[in-house]
């Protein structure tokens, strides 16, 4: 079992400083006496996910047990369909860990998702992971949750075999989930179309990007609007549709307003996509520092102007628009 689930995940967090215990592979997990468990990719940890997590925590509290989330890294689709390089994620692994901790989960088991792991049958997954590794006493799942090779396992299979496995099963109903009208794919689509308020609504929070500030061409400062060029670390992290956005900016736990441009900068003959933010009322050199931006609203498409003077005139208008959205 240890060779099958060899840890290939970099531990960038600090589990010892967390309220939630994080395990980077099954060999780190110590079997629990009364584990209340759910599993899934939980990309974005959106409102639908939180419906399941809230019930997970509620059942754990009622049964005097401990809540456990099983998730997978990398995203299963990127392993099962390696030719598909277009798997874009709403949350990086670090972001997912933080969001799950905020949801009140006590234990998070991150299983390295490999081609070999994907070949586990539903019976093997249940016996090796749920029973032998975790010691599951109650399993809480969404109505459409599937597991095992070819997604062969589901609620009906579990219910029919629960006495053999020695744990109870609770299913979150189709109505409870569908009434919320939310899914990770729907949120991805909204962001890819620049519909940020819809995405934020379904997430239950503002969509965010984080990265390190790198040097760009520094053209912004020549027209009075210096920008921080954000290099997003995770290649699979979804970047919204090209355009100009009103954003909140977080630097060293301080919040600022800002306007952000995603695109190729056609006015200055840019040849590749950049993510650049002008931070309001901010004048510091922050190259090499980390920055997080939260998206509030797209205000216009990226466009090509007839020179820097015309571009500057539009940016002045953009700043007024963004400040109004930010109530600044």
C-alpha atoms as a PDB file:
ATOM      1  CA  UNK A   1       0.000   0.000   0.000  1.00  0.00           C
ATOM      2  CA  UNK A   2       2.794   2.426   0.776  1.00  0.00           C
ATOM      3  CA  UNK A   3       4.422   1.892  -2.611  1.00  0.00           C
ATOM      4  CA  UNK A   4       1.095   2.424  -4.352  1.00  0.00           C
ATOM      5  CA  UNK A   5       0.565   5.735  -2.634  1.00  0.00           C
ATOM      6  CA  UNK A   6       4.094   7.033  -2.543  1.00  0.00           C
ATOM      7  CA  UNK A   7       4.051  10.695  -1.531  1.00  0.00           C
ATOM      8  CA  UNK A   8       4.919  12.973  -4.424  1.00  0.00           C
ATOM      9  CA  UNK A   9       3.380  16.119  -2.971  1.00  0.00           C
ATOM     10  CA  UNK A  10       5.424  19.017  -1.673  1.00  0.00           C
ATOM     11  CA  UNK A  11       4.319  20.008   1.801  1.00  0.00           C
ATOM     12  CA  UNK A  12       4.221  23.798   1.569  1.00  0.00           C
ATOM     13  CA  UNK A  13       1.968  24.199   4.561  1.00  0.00           C
ATOM     14  CA  UNK A  14       2.628  24.069   8.283  1.00  0.00           C
ATOM     15  CA  UNK A  15       0.402  21.291   9.637  1.00  0.00           C
ATOM     16  CA  UNK A  16       1.759  21.742  13.162  1.00  0.00           C
ATOM     17  CA  UNK A  17       0.350  25.271  13.192  1.00  0.00           C
ATOM     18  CA  UNK A  18      -3.080  24.297  11.866  1.00  0.00           C
ATOM     19  CA  UNK A  19      -6.301  23.409  13.618  1.00  0.00           C
ATOM     20  CA  UNK A  20      -6.834  20.888  10.817  1.00  0.00           C
ATOM     21  CA  UNK A  21      -4.390  17.992  10.533  1.00  0.00           C
ATOM     22  CA  UNK A  22      -3.082  17.531   6.986  1.00  0.00           C
ATOM     23  CA  UNK A  23      -1.711  14.187   5.752  1.00  0.00           C
ATOM     24  CA  UNK A  24       0.279  14.009   2.508  1.00  0.00           C
ATOM     25  CA  UNK A  25      -0.311  10.339   1.754  1.00  0.00           C
ATOM     26  CA  UNK A  26      -1.969   7.368   3.466  1.00  0.00           C
ATOM     27  CA  UNK A  27       1.177   6.290   5.308  1.00  0.00           C
ATOM     28  CA  UNK A  28       0.977   9.466   7.430  1.00  0.00           C
ATOM     29  CA  UNK A  29      -2.594   8.800   8.549  1.00  0.00           C
ATOM     30  CA  UNK A  30      -3.235   7.132  11.896  1.00  0.00           C
ATOM     31  CA  UNK A  31      -6.478   5.161  11.978  1.00  0.00           C
ATOM     32  CA  UNK A  32      -9.248   6.867  13.952  1.00  0.00           C
ATOM     33  CA  UNK A  33     -11.741   5.410  16.404  1.00  0.00           C
ATOM     34  CA  UNK A  34     -14.796   7.226  15.047  1.00  0.00           C
ATOM     35  CA  UNK A  35     -14.123   8.767  11.636  1.00  0.00           C
ATOM     36  CA  UNK A  36     -16.884  10.609   9.756  1.00  0.00           C
ATOM     37  CA  UNK A  37     -15.634  10.806   6.182  1.00  0.00           C
ATOM     38  CA  UNK A  38     -16.315  12.366   2.804  1.00  0.00           C
ATOM     39  CA  UNK A  39     -14.217  12.388  -0.369  1.00  0.00           C
ATOM     40  CA  UNK A  40     -13.933  14.352  -3.587  1.00  0.00           C
ATOM     41  CA  UNK A  41     -11.802  16.819  -5.540  1.00  0.00           C
ATOM     42  CA  UNK A  42     -13.476  19.840  -3.873  1.00  0.00           C
ATOM     43  CA  UNK A  43     -12.117  22.235  -6.494  1.00  0.00           C
ATOM     44  CA  UNK A  44     -12.926  25.755  -5.333  1.00  0.00           C
ATOM     45  CA  UNK A  45     -14.678  24.547  -2.142  1.00  0.00           C
ATOM     46  CA  UNK A  46     -17.829  26.287  -3.392  1.00  0.00           C
ATOM     47  CA  UNK A  47     -21.276  26.572  -1.788  1.00  0.00           C
ATOM     48  CA  UNK A  48     -22.293  23.074  -2.936  1.00  0.00           C
ATOM     49  CA  UNK A  49     -19.174  21.594  -1.383  1.00  0.00           C
ATOM     50  CA  UNK A  50     -19.819  23.497   1.814  1.00  0.00           C
ATOM     51  CA  UNK A  51     -23.283  21.965   2.031  1.00  0.00           C
ATOM     52  CA  UNK A  52     -21.594  18.559   2.237  1.00  0.00           C
ATOM     53  CA  UNK A  53     -18.854  19.783   4.596  1.00  0.00           C
ATOM     54  CA  UNK A  54     -21.355  21.380   6.960  1.00  0.00           C
ATOM     55  CA  UNK A  55     -23.266  18.105   7.154  1.00  0.00           C
ATOM     56  CA  UNK A  56     -19.998  16.192   7.625  1.00  0.00           C
ATOM     57  CA  UNK A  57     -19.086  18.361  10.605  1.00  0.00           C
ATOM     58  CA  UNK A  58     -22.618  18.138  11.984  1.00  0.00           C
ATOM     59  CA  UNK A  59     -22.644  14.333  11.869  1.00  0.00           C
ATOM     60  CA  UNK A  60     -19.179  14.192  13.436  1.00  0.00           C
ATOM     61  CA  UNK A  61     -20.326  16.443  16.279  1.00  0.00           C
ATOM     62  CA  UNK A  62     -23.552  14.475  16.844  1.00  0.00           C
ATOM     63  CA  UNK A  63     -21.689  11.161  16.908  1.00  0.00           C
ATOM     64  CA  UNK A  64     -18.758  12.481  18.942  1.00  0.00           C
ATOM     65  CA  UNK A  65     -16.508  11.572  16.031  1.00  0.00           C
ATOM     66  CA  UNK A  66     -13.864  13.339  13.950  1.00  0.00           C
ATOM     67  CA  UNK A  67     -14.458  14.767  10.476  1.00  0.00           C
ATOM     68  CA  UNK A  68     -12.193  13.595   7.642  1.00  0.00           C
ATOM     69  CA  UNK A  69     -11.980  14.812   4.042  1.00  0.00           C
ATOM     70  CA  UNK A  70     -10.220  12.715   1.416  1.00  0.00           C
ATOM     71  CA  UNK A  71      -9.062  14.639  -1.632  1.00  0.00           C
ATOM     72  CA  UNK A  72      -6.685  13.972  -4.503  1.00  0.00           C
ATOM     73  CA  UNK A  73      -3.681  15.672  -6.079  1.00  0.00           C
ATOM     74  CA  UNK A  74      -3.170  16.283  -8.919  1.00  0.00           C
ATOM     75  CA  UNK A  75      -6.711  16.587 -10.278  1.00  0.00           C
ATOM     76  CA  UNK A  76      -7.847  13.107 -11.431  1.00  0.00           C
ATOM     77  CA  UNK A  77      -8.788  14.353 -14.909  1.00  0.00           C
ATOM     78  CA  UNK A  78      -5.202  15.451 -15.588  1.00  0.00           C
ATOM     79  CA  UNK A  79      -3.994  11.907 -14.876  1.00  0.00           C
ATOM     80  CA  UNK A  80      -6.768   9.896 -16.490  1.00  0.00           C
ATOM     81  CA  UNK A  81      -6.702  12.093 -19.613  1.00  0.00           C
ATOM     82  CA  UNK A  82      -3.070  13.318 -19.816  1.00  0.00           C
ATOM     83  CA  UNK A  83      -3.587  14.492 -23.410  1.00  0.00           C
ATOM     84  CA  UNK A  84      -6.055  17.039 -22.093  1.00  0.00           C
ATOM     85  CA  UNK A  85      -3.863  19.944 -20.986  1.00  0.00           C
ATOM     86  CA  UNK A  86      -6.837  22.244 -20.493  1.00  0.00           C
ATOM     87  CA  UNK A  87      -7.790  21.203 -16.963  1.00  0.00           C
ATOM     88  CA  UNK A  88      -8.094  24.566 -15.218  1.00  0.00           C
ATOM     89  CA  UNK A  89      -8.642  24.662 -11.474  1.00  0.00           C
ATOM     90  CA  UNK A  90     -10.456  27.099  -9.204  1.00  0.00           C
ATOM     91  CA  UNK A  91      -8.068  26.416  -6.329  1.00  0.00           C
ATOM     92  CA  UNK A  92      -4.449  25.398  -5.960  1.00  0.00           C
ATOM     93  CA  UNK A  93      -3.624  22.715  -3.413  1.00  0.00           C
ATOM     94  CA  UNK A  94      -2.564  25.324  -0.840  1.00  0.00           C
ATOM     95  CA  UNK A  95      -5.773  27.306  -1.425  1.00  0.00           C
ATOM     96  CA  UNK A  96      -7.883  24.167  -1.076  1.00  0.00           C
ATOM     97  CA  UNK A  97      -6.184  23.298   2.222  1.00  0.00           C
ATOM     98  CA  UNK A  98      -6.883  26.783   3.578  1.00  0.00           C
ATOM     99  CA  UNK A  99     -10.523  26.724   2.452  1.00  0.00           C
ATOM    100  CA  UNK A 100     -11.166  23.280   3.926  1.00  0.00           C
ATOM    101  CA  UNK A 101      -9.641  24.354   7.219  1.00  0.00           C
ATOM    102  CA  UNK A 102     -11.936  27.388   7.289  1.00  0.00           C
ATOM    103  CA  UNK A 103     -14.843  24.981   6.748  1.00  0.00           C
ATOM    104  CA  UNK A 104     -14.099  23.372  10.110  1.00  0.00           C
ATOM    105  CA  UNK A 105     -12.706  20.035   8.889  1.00  0.00           C
ATOM    106  CA  UNK A 106     -10.509  18.252  11.450  1.00  0.00           C
ATOM    107  CA  UNK A 107      -8.506  15.916   9.201  1.00  0.00           C
ATOM    108  CA  UNK A 108      -7.502  16.250   5.534  1.00  0.00           C
ATOM    109  CA  UNK A 109      -5.997  13.265   3.724  1.00  0.00           C
ATOM    110  CA  UNK A 110      -4.409  14.217   0.377  1.00  0.00           C
ATOM    111  CA  UNK A 111      -3.913  11.128  -1.776  1.00  0.00           C
ATOM    112  CA  UNK A 112      -1.423  11.373  -4.656  1.00  0.00           C
ATOM    113  CA  UNK A 113      -3.550  10.560  -7.692  1.00  0.00           C
ATOM    114  CA  UNK A 114      -1.483   8.386 -10.004  1.00  0.00           C
ATOM    115  CA  UNK A 115      -2.350   6.192 -12.969  1.00  0.00           C
ATOM    116  CA  UNK A 116      -1.823   3.196 -10.673  1.00  0.00           C
ATOM    117  CA  UNK A 117      -4.180   4.611  -8.053  1.00  0.00           C
ATOM    118  CA  UNK A 118      -6.824   5.231 -10.720  1.00  0.00           C
ATOM    119  CA  UNK A 119      -6.869   1.477 -11.389  1.00  0.00           C
ATOM    120  CA  UNK A 120      -8.160   0.691  -7.877  1.00  0.00           C
ATOM    121  CA  UNK A 121     -11.597  -0.893  -7.983  1.00  0.00           C
ATOM    122  CA  UNK A 122     -14.351   0.514  -5.789  1.00  0.00           C
ATOM    123  CA  UNK A 123     -13.955  -2.532  -3.517  1.00  0.00           C
ATOM    124  CA  UNK A 124     -10.200  -1.892  -3.155  1.00  0.00           C
ATOM    125  CA  UNK A 125     -10.765   1.818  -2.483  1.00  0.00           C
ATOM    126  CA  UNK A 126     -13.294   1.047   0.237  1.00  0.00           C
ATOM    127  CA  UNK A 127     -11.236  -1.654   1.918  1.00  0.00           C
ATOM    128  CA  UNK A 128      -7.774  -0.080   1.658  1.00  0.00           C
ATOM    129  CA  UNK A 129      -8.635   3.587   2.165  1.00  0.00           C
ATOM    130  CA  UNK A 130     -11.959   3.902   3.962  1.00  0.00           C
ATOM    131  CA  UNK A 131     -11.735   0.825   6.200  1.00  0.00           C
ATOM    132  CA  UNK A 132      -8.076  -0.092   6.749  1.00  0.00           C
ATOM    133  CA  UNK A 133      -6.436   3.346   6.584  1.00  0.00           C
ATOM    134  CA  UNK A 134      -9.062   5.653   8.085  1.00  0.00           C
ATOM    135  CA  UNK A 135     -11.372   3.428  10.088  1.00  0.00           C
ATOM    136  CA  UNK A 136     -14.537   4.989   8.668  1.00  0.00           C
ATOM    137  CA  UNK A 137     -17.658   4.745  10.839  1.00  0.00           C
ATOM    138  CA  UNK A 138     -19.885   7.072   8.791  1.00  0.00           C
ATOM    139  CA  UNK A 139     -19.505   8.110   5.142  1.00  0.00           C
ATOM    140  CA  UNK A 140     -21.209  11.294   3.942  1.00  0.00           C
ATOM    141  CA  UNK A 141     -21.399  11.752   0.154  1.00  0.00           C
ATOM    142  CA  UNK A 142     -23.196  13.819  -2.449  1.00  0.00           C
ATOM    143  CA  UNK A 143     -25.936  12.169  -4.505  1.00  0.00           C
ATOM    144  CA  UNK A 144     -23.766  11.893  -7.639  1.00  0.00           C
ATOM    145  CA  UNK A 145     -20.492  10.901  -5.987  1.00  0.00           C
ATOM    146  CA  UNK A 146     -18.671   8.029  -7.723  1.00  0.00           C
ATOM    147  CA  UNK A 147     -15.389   6.320  -6.898  1.00  0.00           C
ATOM    148  CA  UNK A 148     -13.129   3.489  -7.962  1.00  0.00           C
ATOM    149  CA  UNK A 149     -11.951   2.483 -11.444  1.00  0.00           C
ATOM    150  CA  UNK A 150     -14.295   3.825 -14.141  1.00  0.00           C
ATOM    151  CA  UNK A 151     -16.316   5.481 -11.355  1.00  0.00           C
ATOM    152  CA  UNK A 152     -18.006   2.152 -10.733  1.00  0.00           C
ATOM    153  CA  UNK A 153     -18.829   2.709  -7.051  1.00  0.00           C
ATOM    154  CA  UNK A 154     -21.674   4.854  -5.727  1.00  0.00           C
ATOM    155  CA  UNK A 155     -24.344   5.229  -3.050  1.00  0.00           C
ATOM    156  CA  UNK A 156     -26.393   2.166  -4.062  1.00  0.00           C
ATOM    157  CA  UNK A 157     -23.297  -0.042  -3.997  1.00  0.00           C
ATOM    158  CA  UNK A 158     -22.264   1.291  -0.596  1.00  0.00           C
ATOM    159  CA  UNK A 159     -25.751   0.937   0.867  1.00  0.00           C
ATOM    160  CA  UNK A 160     -26.020  -2.657  -0.312  1.00  0.00           C
ATOM    161  CA  UNK A 161     -22.677  -3.550   1.311  1.00  0.00           C
ATOM    162  CA  UNK A 162     -22.560  -1.318   4.378  1.00  0.00           C
ATOM    163  CA  UNK A 163     -22.869  -4.160   6.895  1.00  0.00           C
ATOM    164  CA  UNK A 164     -19.890  -5.903   5.332  1.00  0.00           C
ATOM    165  CA  UNK A 165     -17.834  -2.716   5.525  1.00  0.00           C
ATOM    166  CA  UNK A 166     -18.961  -1.815   9.032  1.00  0.00           C
ATOM    167  CA  UNK A 167     -19.916   1.820   8.461  1.00  0.00           C
ATOM    168  CA  UNK A 168     -23.048   3.876   7.969  1.00  0.00           C
ATOM    169  CA  UNK A 169     -23.722   5.874   4.793  1.00  0.00           C
ATOM    170  CA  UNK A 170     -25.494   9.196   4.446  1.00  0.00           C
ATOM    171  CA  UNK A 171     -26.273  10.735   1.076  1.00  0.00           C
ATOM    172  CA  UNK A 172     -26.827  14.452   0.513  1.00  0.00           C
ATOM    173  CA  UNK A 173     -29.922  14.460  -1.684  1.00  0.00           C
ATOM    174  CA  UNK A 174     -30.039  15.593  -5.304  1.00  0.00           C
ATOM    175  CA  UNK A 175     -32.561  18.272  -4.335  1.00  0.00           C
ATOM    176  CA  UNK A 176     -30.314  19.697  -1.601  1.00  0.00           C
ATOM    177  CA  UNK A 177     -27.415  20.081  -4.040  1.00  0.00           C
ATOM    178  CA  UNK A 178     -29.301  21.056  -7.191  1.00  0.00           C
ATOM    179  CA  UNK A 179     -31.388  23.664  -5.366  1.00  0.00           C
ATOM    180  CA  UNK A 180     -28.139  25.547  -4.931  1.00  0.00           C
ATOM    181  CA  UNK A 181     -27.558  25.472  -8.702  1.00  0.00           C
ATOM    182  CA  UNK A 182     -23.796  25.351  -8.287  1.00  0.00           C
ATOM    183  CA  UNK A 183     -20.951  23.287  -9.714  1.00  0.00           C
ATOM    184  CA  UNK A 184     -17.236  23.762 -10.278  1.00  0.00           C
ATOM    185  CA  UNK A 185     -17.756  23.571 -14.050  1.00  0.00           C
ATOM    186  CA  UNK A 186     -20.396  26.305 -13.913  1.00  0.00           C
ATOM    187  CA  UNK A 187     -18.017  28.559 -11.950  1.00  0.00           C
ATOM    188  CA  UNK A 188     -15.167  27.873 -14.377  1.00  0.00           C
ATOM    189  CA  UNK A 189     -17.415  28.790 -17.309  1.00  0.00           C
ATOM    190  CA  UNK A 190     -18.472  32.046 -15.636  1.00  0.00           C
ATOM    191  CA  UNK A 191     -14.857  33.099 -15.051  1.00  0.00           C
ATOM    192  CA  UNK A 192     -13.823  32.151 -18.570  1.00  0.00           C
ATOM    193  CA  UNK A 193     -16.598  34.445 -19.814  1.00  0.00           C
ATOM    194  CA  UNK A 194     -15.662  37.285 -17.463  1.00  0.00           C
ATOM    195  CA  UNK A 195     -18.849  36.893 -15.396  1.00  0.00           C
ATOM    196  CA  UNK A 196     -17.118  37.445 -12.073  1.00  0.00           C
ATOM    197  CA  UNK A 197     -20.157  38.330  -9.905  1.00  0.00           C
ATOM    198  CA  UNK A 198     -21.830  35.024 -10.871  1.00  0.00           C
ATOM    199  CA  UNK A 199     -18.677  33.057 -10.059  1.00  0.00           C
ATOM    200  CA  UNK A 200     -18.248  34.879  -6.745  1.00  0.00           C
ATOM    201  CA  UNK A 201     -21.894  34.183  -5.878  1.00  0.00           C
ATOM    202  CA  UNK A 202     -21.531  30.431  -6.428  1.00  0.00           C
ATOM    203  CA  UNK A 203     -18.195  30.319  -4.629  1.00  0.00           C
ATOM    204  CA  UNK A 204     -19.594  32.201  -1.661  1.00  0.00           C
ATOM    205  CA  UNK A 205     -16.457  34.367  -1.753  1.00  0.00           C
ATOM    206  CA  UNK A 206     -14.421  36.404  -4.223  1.00  0.00           C
ATOM    207  CA  UNK A 207     -12.396  34.420  -6.733  1.00  0.00           C
ATOM    208  CA  UNK A 208      -8.690  35.001  -6.151  1.00  0.00           C
ATOM    209  CA  UNK A 209      -5.264  34.607  -7.715  1.00  0.00           C
ATOM    210  CA  UNK A 210      -1.949  34.570  -5.894  1.00  0.00           C
ATOM    211  CA  UNK A 211       1.594  34.811  -7.158  1.00  0.00           C
ATOM    212  CA  UNK A 212       5.010  36.356  -6.891  1.00  0.00           C
ATOM    213  CA  UNK A 213       5.721  39.840  -8.273  1.00  0.00           C
ATOM    214  CA  UNK A 214       8.202  39.804 -11.140  1.00  0.00           C
ATOM    215  CA  UNK A 215       9.715  42.571 -13.254  1.00  0.00           C
ATOM    216  CA  UNK A 216       7.889  43.441 -16.433  1.00  0.00           C
ATOM    217  CA  UNK A 217       8.625  46.096 -19.051  1.00  0.00           C
ATOM    218  CA  UNK A 218       7.753  48.811 -16.497  1.00  0.00           C
ATOM    219  CA  UNK A 219       5.740  50.781 -19.076  1.00  0.00           C
ATOM    220  CA  UNK A 220       2.997  51.509 -16.547  1.00  0.00           C
ATOM    221  CA  UNK A 221       5.167  53.794 -14.477  1.00  0.00           C
ATOM    222  CA  UNK A 222       6.027  55.894 -17.571  1.00  0.00           C
ATOM    223  CA  UNK A 223       2.352  56.924 -17.829  1.00  0.00           C
ATOM    224  CA  UNK A 224       1.759  57.310 -14.096  1.00  0.00           C
ATOM    225  CA  UNK A 225       0.198  53.908 -13.410  1.00  0.00           C
ATOM    226  CA  UNK A 226       2.869  51.490 -12.166  1.00  0.00           C
ATOM    227  CA  UNK A 227       1.756  47.863 -12.109  1.00  0.00           C
ATOM    228  CA  UNK A 228       2.768  44.752 -10.223  1.00  0.00           C
ATOM    229  CA  UNK A 229       3.258  41.860 -12.636  1.00  0.00           C
ATOM    230  CA  UNK A 230       1.882  38.711 -10.984  1.00  0.00           C
ATOM    231  CA  UNK A 231       3.450  35.399 -11.913  1.00  0.00           C
ATOM    232  CA  UNK A 232       0.868  32.737 -11.031  1.00  0.00           C
ATOM    233  CA  UNK A 233       2.740  29.665  -9.773  1.00  0.00           C
ATOM    234  CA  UNK A 234       0.222  26.928 -10.559  1.00  0.00           C
ATOM    235  CA  UNK A 235      -0.006  26.382 -14.308  1.00  0.00           C
ATOM    236  CA  UNK A 236      -3.445  24.775 -13.954  1.00  0.00           C
ATOM    237  CA  UNK A 237      -4.908  27.698 -11.992  1.00  0.00           C
ATOM    238  CA  UNK A 238      -7.755  29.260 -13.956  1.00  0.00           C
ATOM    239  CA  UNK A 239      -7.100  32.835 -15.065  1.00  0.00           C
ATOM    240  CA  UNK A 240     -10.301  34.724 -15.957  1.00  0.00           C
ATOM    241  CA  UNK A 241     -11.120  36.107 -19.401  1.00  0.00           C
ATOM    242  CA  UNK A 242      -8.773  38.809 -20.727  1.00  0.00           C
ATOM    243  CA  UNK A 243      -9.866  42.303 -19.728  1.00  0.00           C
ATOM    244  CA  UNK A 244      -9.767  44.949 -17.010  1.00  0.00           C
ATOM    245  CA  UNK A 245     -11.119  44.164 -13.543  1.00  0.00           C
ATOM    246  CA  UNK A 246     -11.856  45.899 -10.271  1.00  0.00           C
ATOM    247  CA  UNK A 247      -9.988  43.942  -7.605  1.00  0.00           C
ATOM    248  CA  UNK A 248      -9.069  43.843  -3.954  1.00  0.00           C
ATOM    249  CA  UNK A 249      -5.350  43.413  -3.351  1.00  0.00           C
ATOM    250  CA  UNK A 250      -3.789  41.756  -0.303  1.00  0.00           C
ATOM    251  CA  UNK A 251      -0.146  42.343   0.543  1.00  0.00           C
ATOM    252  CA  UNK A 252       1.284  41.270   3.899  1.00  0.00           C
ATOM    253  CA  UNK A 253      -2.226  41.019   5.376  1.00  0.00           C
ATOM    254  CA  UNK A 254      -3.086  44.589   4.342  1.00  0.00           C
ATOM    255  CA  UNK A 255      -5.932  45.247   1.904  1.00  0.00           C
ATOM    256  CA  UNK A 256      -5.902  47.741  -0.961  1.00  0.00           C
ATOM    257  CA  UNK A 257      -8.114  48.555  -3.909  1.00  0.00           C
ATOM    258  CA  UNK A 258      -6.823  48.096  -7.424  1.00  0.00           C
ATOM    259  CA  UNK A 259      -7.456  47.637 -11.118  1.00  0.00           C
ATOM    260  CA  UNK A 260      -6.068  44.622 -12.902  1.00  0.00           C
ATOM    261  CA  UNK A 261      -5.430  43.857 -16.555  1.00  0.00           C
ATOM    262  CA  UNK A 262      -5.251  40.367 -18.024  1.00  0.00           C
ATOM    263  CA  UNK A 263      -4.070  40.123 -21.608  1.00  0.00           C
ATOM    264  CA  UNK A 264      -1.364  40.602 -24.211  1.00  0.00           C
ATOM    265  CA  UNK A 265      -1.125  44.434 -24.005  1.00  0.00           C
ATOM    266  CA  UNK A 266      -1.823  45.047 -27.731  1.00  0.00           C
ATOM    267  CA  UNK A 267      -1.157  48.804 -27.505  1.00  0.00           C
ATOM    268  CA  UNK A 268       2.522  48.113 -26.822  1.00  0.00           C
ATOM    269  CA  UNK A 269       2.697  45.047 -29.096  1.00  0.00           C
ATOM    270  CA  UNK A 270       2.755  42.503 -26.294  1.00  0.00           C
ATOM    271  CA  UNK A 271       3.223  38.908 -27.352  1.00  0.00           C
ATOM    272  CA  UNK A 272       2.167  36.914 -24.290  1.00  0.00           C
ATOM    273  CA  UNK A 273      -0.478  37.048 -21.569  1.00  0.00           C
ATOM    274  CA  UNK A 274       0.314  38.946 -18.381  1.00  0.00           C
ATOM    275  CA  UNK A 275      -1.584  39.609 -15.161  1.00  0.00           C
ATOM    276  CA  UNK A 276      -0.787  43.145 -13.984  1.00  0.00           C
ATOM    277  CA  UNK A 277      -2.368  45.117 -11.166  1.00  0.00           C
ATOM    278  CA  UNK A 278      -2.220  48.813 -10.365  1.00  0.00           C
ATOM    279  CA  UNK A 279      -2.598  49.110  -6.587  1.00  0.00           C
ATOM    280  CA  UNK A 280      -4.342  52.272  -5.411  1.00  0.00           C
ATOM    281  CA  UNK A 281      -2.576  54.456  -2.835  1.00  0.00           C
ATOM    282  CA  UNK A 282       0.475  52.215  -2.814  1.00  0.00           C
ATOM    283  CA  UNK A 283       4.105  53.092  -3.470  1.00  0.00           C
ATOM    284  CA  UNK A 284       6.476  50.253  -2.583  1.00  0.00           C
ATOM    285  CA  UNK A 285       8.968  48.077  -4.431  1.00  0.00           C
ATOM    286  CA  UNK A 286       7.670  44.533  -3.964  1.00  0.00           C
ATOM    287  CA  UNK A 287       9.577  42.432  -6.512  1.00  0.00           C
ATOM    288  CA  UNK A 288       9.871  38.872  -5.269  1.00  0.00           C
ATOM    289  CA  UNK A 289       7.025  39.334  -2.785  1.00  0.00           C
ATOM    290  CA  UNK A 290       3.738  37.429  -2.770  1.00  0.00           C
ATOM    291  CA  UNK A 291       0.468  39.128  -3.653  1.00  0.00           C
ATOM    292  CA  UNK A 292      -3.163  38.001  -3.718  1.00  0.00           C
ATOM    293  CA  UNK A 293      -5.931  39.630  -5.744  1.00  0.00           C
ATOM    294  CA  UNK A 294      -9.672  39.067  -5.400  1.00  0.00           C
ATOM    295  CA  UNK A 295     -11.882  39.693  -8.447  1.00  0.00           C
ATOM    296  CA  UNK A 296     -14.990  41.834  -8.045  1.00  0.00           C
ATOM    297  CA  UNK A 297     -16.064  42.832 -11.539  1.00  0.00           C
ATOM    298  CA  UNK A 298     -14.854  43.010 -15.135  1.00  0.00           C
ATOM    299  CA  UNK A 299     -15.234  46.593 -16.386  1.00  0.00           C
ATOM    300  CA  UNK A 300     -14.164  46.272 -20.027  1.00  0.00           C
ATOM    301  CA  UNK A 301     -12.413  44.127 -22.603  1.00  0.00           C
ATOM    302  CA  UNK A 302      -8.752  44.571 -23.366  1.00  0.00           C
ATOM    303  CA  UNK A 303      -8.331  46.744 -26.465  1.00  0.00           C
ATOM    304  CA  UNK A 304      -5.669  48.338 -28.641  1.00  0.00           C
ATOM    305  CA  UNK A 305      -5.316  52.124 -28.376  1.00  0.00           C
ATOM    306  CA  UNK A 306      -3.645  54.595 -30.720  1.00  0.00           C
ATOM    307  CA  UNK A 307      -0.611  55.196 -28.534  1.00  0.00           C
ATOM    308  CA  UNK A 308       0.195  55.626 -24.847  1.00  0.00           C
ATOM    309  CA  UNK A 309      -1.669  58.953 -24.452  1.00  0.00           C
ATOM    310  CA  UNK A 310      -4.948  57.352 -25.474  1.00  0.00           C
ATOM    311  CA  UNK A 311      -4.211  54.365 -23.251  1.00  0.00           C
ATOM    312  CA  UNK A 312      -3.500  56.662 -20.285  1.00  0.00           C
ATOM    313  CA  UNK A 313      -6.755  58.564 -20.823  1.00  0.00           C
ATOM    314  CA  UNK A 314      -8.688  55.271 -20.703  1.00  0.00           C
ATOM    315  CA  UNK A 315      -6.832  54.080 -17.595  1.00  0.00           C
ATOM    316  CA  UNK A 316      -7.845  57.312 -15.806  1.00  0.00           C
ATOM    317  CA  UNK A 317     -11.482  56.420 -16.571  1.00  0.00           C
ATOM    318  CA  UNK A 318     -10.897  52.814 -15.511  1.00  0.00           C
ATOM    319  CA  UNK A 319      -9.581  53.929 -12.146  1.00  0.00           C
ATOM    320  CA  UNK A 320     -12.675  56.044 -11.511  1.00  0.00           C
ATOM    321  CA  UNK A 321     -14.900  53.096 -12.435  1.00  0.00           C
ATOM    322  CA  UNK A 322     -13.002  50.640 -10.232  1.00  0.00           C
ATOM    323  CA  UNK A 323     -12.972  52.996  -7.251  1.00  0.00           C
ATOM    324  CA  UNK A 324     -16.748  53.342  -7.534  1.00  0.00           C
ATOM    325  CA  UNK A 325     -17.147  49.530  -7.538  1.00  0.00           C
ATOM    326  CA  UNK A 326     -14.804  49.300  -4.536  1.00  0.00           C
ATOM    327  CA  UNK A 327     -16.583  52.170  -2.729  1.00  0.00           C
ATOM    328  CA  UNK A 328     -13.328  54.064  -2.435  1.00  0.00           C
END
